[in-house]
Amino acid sequence: MTNYQPIRSFRDLHVYQNLYKAMVIVHTKIVPNLPKEERFDLVDQMKRASKGAPALLAEGFAKRYQTRAWHKYLEDTIGESSEMIHHLSVCIDLYSQYIDISLCNELISMYDICCKQLAKLDQCWTDFHKQKKE
């Protein structure tokens, strides 16, 4: 049985920890290896989306008791994570000579898991609020 710790901060969310870890890897191991001609296109988009996912989750956590607002933040975080899956797929298909393909595939898997974690978090939070109203 897993020993769960109480969630007192967004930093306690496993999905936040995973998104932050993925962001660090993207910024340190993928982006610096992409060709210079992508600096103002793919690189900027990857930097924004990889930073955006954990930031949205952190910001949304402050509004977690506002059901619609929290749901919107979770949806937006899923959107940023899905965008990263796309960008990493582009890296594999267009720039395999510059990047570590296996690392990109690991990141795609991480972002895919994060999307599932976010959907589950959203459902659990919705169920929690429904139970409180009853």
C-alpha atoms as a PDB file:
ATOM      1  CA  MET A   1       0.000   0.000   0.000  1.00  0.00           C
ATOM      2  CA  THR A   2       1.291   3.447  -0.914  1.00  0.00           C
ATOM      3  CA  ASN A   3       1.845   5.858   1.946  1.00  0.00           C
ATOM      4  CA  TYR A   4       0.260   9.110   0.767  1.00  0.00           C
ATOM      5  CA  GLN A   5       1.294  12.398   2.322  1.00  0.00           C
ATOM      6  CA  PRO A   6      -1.218  15.222   2.810  1.00  0.00           C
ATOM      7  CA  ILE A   7      -1.385  17.763   0.002  1.00  0.00           C
ATOM      8  CA  ARG A   8      -0.634  21.148   1.520  1.00  0.00           C
ATOM      9  CA  SER A   9       0.907  22.801  -1.513  1.00  0.00           C
ATOM     10  CA  PHE A  10       0.986  22.350  -5.273  1.00  0.00           C
ATOM     11  CA  ARG A  11       4.529  21.054  -4.751  1.00  0.00           C
ATOM     12  CA  ASP A  12       3.060  18.025  -2.966  1.00  0.00           C
ATOM     13  CA  LEU A  13       1.188  16.938  -6.108  1.00  0.00           C
ATOM     14  CA  HIS A  14       3.012  14.107  -7.893  1.00  0.00           C
ATOM     15  CA  VAL A  15       1.813  15.439 -11.225  1.00  0.00           C
ATOM     16  CA  TYR A  16       3.403  18.821 -10.477  1.00  0.00           C
ATOM     17  CA  GLN A  17       6.681  17.109  -9.551  1.00  0.00           C
ATOM     18  CA  ASN A  18       6.590  15.121 -12.811  1.00  0.00           C
ATOM     19  CA  LEU A  19       5.816  18.186 -14.933  1.00  0.00           C
ATOM     20  CA  TYR A  20       8.600  20.156 -13.279  1.00  0.00           C
ATOM     21  CA  LYS A  21      11.072  17.314 -13.819  1.00  0.00           C
ATOM     22  CA  ALA A  22      10.060  17.080 -17.498  1.00  0.00           C
ATOM     23  CA  MET A  23      10.489  20.852 -17.883  1.00  0.00           C
ATOM     24  CA  VAL A  24      14.030  20.705 -16.505  1.00  0.00           C
ATOM     25  CA  ILE A  25      14.949  17.871 -18.870  1.00  0.00           C
ATOM     26  CA  VAL A  26      13.473  19.700 -21.881  1.00  0.00           C
ATOM     27  CA  HIS A  27      15.408  22.874 -21.036  1.00  0.00           C
ATOM     28  CA  THR A  28      18.721  21.198 -20.264  1.00  0.00           C
ATOM     29  CA  LYS A  29      18.870  18.192 -22.600  1.00  0.00           C
ATOM     30  CA  ILE A  30      16.593  18.801 -25.597  1.00  0.00           C
ATOM     31  CA  VAL A  31      16.319  22.528 -26.351  1.00  0.00           C
ATOM     32  CA  PRO A  32      20.089  23.275 -26.317  1.00  0.00           C
ATOM     33  CA  ASN A  33      20.668  20.585 -28.956  1.00  0.00           C
ATOM     34  CA  LEU A  34      18.124  21.782 -31.489  1.00  0.00           C
ATOM     35  CA  PRO A  35      19.431  23.636 -34.551  1.00  0.00           C
ATOM     36  CA  LYS A  36      19.833  27.415 -34.325  1.00  0.00           C
ATOM     37  CA  GLU A  37      17.240  28.027 -37.040  1.00  0.00           C
ATOM     38  CA  GLU A  38      14.573  26.719 -34.619  1.00  0.00           C
ATOM     39  CA  ARG A  39      15.511  29.240 -31.907  1.00  0.00           C
ATOM     40  CA  PHE A  40      12.524  31.523 -32.587  1.00  0.00           C
ATOM     41  CA  ASP A  41      10.023  28.817 -33.460  1.00  0.00           C
ATOM     42  CA  LEU A  42      10.127  25.304 -32.010  1.00  0.00           C
ATOM     43  CA  VAL A  43      12.552  26.197 -29.205  1.00  0.00           C
ATOM     44  CA  ASP A  44      10.410  29.124 -28.023  1.00  0.00           C
ATOM     45  CA  GLN A  45       7.256  27.025 -28.186  1.00  0.00           C
ATOM     46  CA  MET A  46       8.862  24.172 -26.250  1.00  0.00           C
ATOM     47  CA  LYS A  47      10.199  26.527 -23.598  1.00  0.00           C
ATOM     48  CA  ARG A  48       6.801  28.162 -23.172  1.00  0.00           C
ATOM     49  CA  ALA A  49       4.776  24.942 -23.108  1.00  0.00           C
ATOM     50  CA  SER A  50       7.160  23.056 -20.814  1.00  0.00           C
ATOM     51  CA  LYS A  51       7.221  25.956 -18.341  1.00  0.00           C
ATOM     52  CA  GLY A  52       3.514  26.594 -18.764  1.00  0.00           C
ATOM     53  CA  ALA A  53       2.280  23.200 -17.602  1.00  0.00           C
ATOM     54  CA  PRO A  54       3.713  23.245 -14.048  1.00  0.00           C
ATOM     55  CA  ALA A  55       3.069  26.995 -13.741  1.00  0.00           C
ATOM     56  CA  LEU A  56      -0.617  26.601 -14.622  1.00  0.00           C
ATOM     57  CA  LEU A  57      -0.974  23.802 -12.113  1.00  0.00           C
ATOM     58  CA  ALA A  58       0.714  25.899  -9.418  1.00  0.00           C
ATOM     59  CA  GLU A  59      -1.477  28.911 -10.175  1.00  0.00           C
ATOM     60  CA  GLY A  60      -4.638  26.846 -10.379  1.00  0.00           C
ATOM     61  CA  PHE A  61      -3.956  25.141  -7.061  1.00  0.00           C
ATOM     62  CA  ALA A  62      -4.564  28.466  -5.341  1.00  0.00           C
ATOM     63  CA  LYS A  63      -8.086  28.401  -6.815  1.00  0.00           C
ATOM     64  CA  ARG A  64      -8.795  24.733  -6.134  1.00  0.00           C
ATOM     65  CA  TYR A  65     -11.931  25.487  -4.121  1.00  0.00           C
ATOM     66  CA  GLN A  66     -13.422  27.392  -7.041  1.00  0.00           C
ATOM     67  CA  THR A  67     -14.577  24.319  -8.910  1.00  0.00           C
ATOM     68  CA  ARG A  68     -14.897  25.849 -12.396  1.00  0.00           C
ATOM     69  CA  ALA A  69     -11.629  27.785 -12.154  1.00  0.00           C
ATOM     70  CA  TRP A  70      -9.689  24.734 -10.925  1.00  0.00           C
ATOM     71  CA  HIS A  71     -11.201  22.603 -13.695  1.00  0.00           C
ATOM     72  CA  LYS A  72     -10.137  25.201 -16.292  1.00  0.00           C
ATOM     73  CA  TYR A  73      -6.568  25.265 -14.962  1.00  0.00           C
ATOM     74  CA  LEU A  74      -6.399  21.476 -15.079  1.00  0.00           C
ATOM     75  CA  GLU A  75      -7.725  21.456 -18.651  1.00  0.00           C
ATOM     76  CA  ASP A  76      -5.179  24.098 -19.676  1.00  0.00           C
ATOM     77  CA  THR A  77      -2.381  22.101 -18.052  1.00  0.00           C
ATOM     78  CA  ILE A  78      -3.471  19.032 -20.013  1.00  0.00           C
ATOM     79  CA  GLY A  79      -3.391  21.212 -23.133  1.00  0.00           C
ATOM     80  CA  GLU A  80       0.188  22.361 -22.476  1.00  0.00           C
ATOM     81  CA  SER A  81       1.243  18.765 -21.791  1.00  0.00           C
ATOM     82  CA  SER A  82      -0.380  17.567 -25.016  1.00  0.00           C
ATOM     83  CA  GLU A  83       1.365  20.377 -26.871  1.00  0.00           C
ATOM     84  CA  MET A  84       4.686  19.113 -25.505  1.00  0.00           C
ATOM     85  CA  ILE A  85       3.923  15.609 -26.791  1.00  0.00           C
ATOM     86  CA  HIS A  86       3.462  17.164 -30.230  1.00  0.00           C
ATOM     87  CA  HIS A  87       6.676  19.233 -30.040  1.00  0.00           C
ATOM     88  CA  LEU A  88       8.720  16.246 -28.877  1.00  0.00           C
ATOM     89  CA  SER A  89       7.287  14.167 -31.733  1.00  0.00           C
ATOM     90  CA  VAL A  90       8.389  16.911 -34.150  1.00  0.00           C
ATOM     91  CA  CYS A  91      11.879  16.771 -32.630  1.00  0.00           C
ATOM     92  CA  ILE A  92      12.020  13.017 -33.238  1.00  0.00           C
ATOM     93  CA  ASP A  93      10.740  13.230 -36.802  1.00  0.00           C
ATOM     94  CA  LEU A  94      12.655  16.316 -37.970  1.00  0.00           C
ATOM     95  CA  TYR A  95      15.735  16.590 -35.769  1.00  0.00           C
ATOM     96  CA  SER A  96      16.721  13.051 -34.793  1.00  0.00           C
ATOM     97  CA  GLN A  97      20.333  13.831 -35.684  1.00  0.00           C
ATOM     98  CA  TYR A  98      20.433  16.563 -32.985  1.00  0.00           C
ATOM     99  CA  ILE A  99      18.548  15.037 -30.075  1.00  0.00           C
ATOM    100  CA  ASP A 100      18.392  11.833 -28.029  1.00  0.00           C
ATOM    101  CA  ILE A 101      15.388  10.002 -29.469  1.00  0.00           C
ATOM    102  CA  SER A 102      15.029   7.676 -26.493  1.00  0.00           C
ATOM    103  CA  LEU A 103      14.987  10.669 -24.130  1.00  0.00           C
ATOM    104  CA  CYS A 104      12.278  12.314 -26.243  1.00  0.00           C
ATOM    105  CA  ASN A 105      10.246   9.108 -26.114  1.00  0.00           C
ATOM    106  CA  GLU A 106      10.669   8.989 -22.315  1.00  0.00           C
ATOM    107  CA  LEU A 107       9.454  12.588 -22.097  1.00  0.00           C
ATOM    108  CA  ILE A 108       6.471  11.817 -24.322  1.00  0.00           C
ATOM    109  CA  SER A 109       5.611   8.982 -21.951  1.00  0.00           C
ATOM    110  CA  MET A 110       6.031  11.307 -18.934  1.00  0.00           C
ATOM    111  CA  TYR A 111       3.728  13.927 -20.458  1.00  0.00           C
ATOM    112  CA  ASP A 112       1.197  11.240 -21.396  1.00  0.00           C
ATOM    113  CA  ILE A 113       1.181   9.981 -17.798  1.00  0.00           C
ATOM    114  CA  CYS A 114       0.811  13.560 -16.555  1.00  0.00           C
ATOM    115  CA  CYS A 115      -2.260  14.030 -18.771  1.00  0.00           C
ATOM    116  CA  LYS A 116      -3.795  10.933 -17.187  1.00  0.00           C
ATOM    117  CA  GLN A 117      -2.841  12.102 -13.696  1.00  0.00           C
ATOM    118  CA  LEU A 118      -4.412  15.498 -14.353  1.00  0.00           C
ATOM    119  CA  ALA A 119      -7.636  13.933 -15.655  1.00  0.00           C
ATOM    120  CA  LYS A 120      -7.792  11.706 -12.570  1.00  0.00           C
ATOM    121  CA  LEU A 121      -7.086  14.667 -10.267  1.00  0.00           C
ATOM    122  CA  ASP A 122      -9.891  16.607 -11.940  1.00  0.00           C
ATOM    123  CA  GLN A 123     -12.332  13.706 -11.524  1.00  0.00           C
ATOM    124  CA  CYS A 124     -11.374  13.116  -7.873  1.00  0.00           C
ATOM    125  CA  TRP A 125     -11.731  16.809  -7.092  1.00  0.00           C
ATOM    126  CA  THR A 126     -15.126  16.948  -8.803  1.00  0.00           C
ATOM    127  CA  ASP A 127     -16.300  13.875  -6.875  1.00  0.00           C
ATOM    128  CA  PHE A 128     -15.029  15.386  -3.629  1.00  0.00           C
ATOM    129  CA  HIS A 129     -17.028  18.576  -4.184  1.00  0.00           C
ATOM    130  CA  LYS A 130     -20.163  16.624  -5.137  1.00  0.00           C
ATOM    131  CA  GLN A 131     -19.905  14.630  -1.897  1.00  0.00           C
ATOM    132  CA  LYS A 132     -19.457  17.812   0.160  1.00  0.00           C
ATOM    133  CA  LYS A 133     -22.686  19.258  -1.296  1.00  0.00           C
ATOM    134  CA  GLU A 134     -24.708  16.149  -0.433  1.00  0.00           C
END
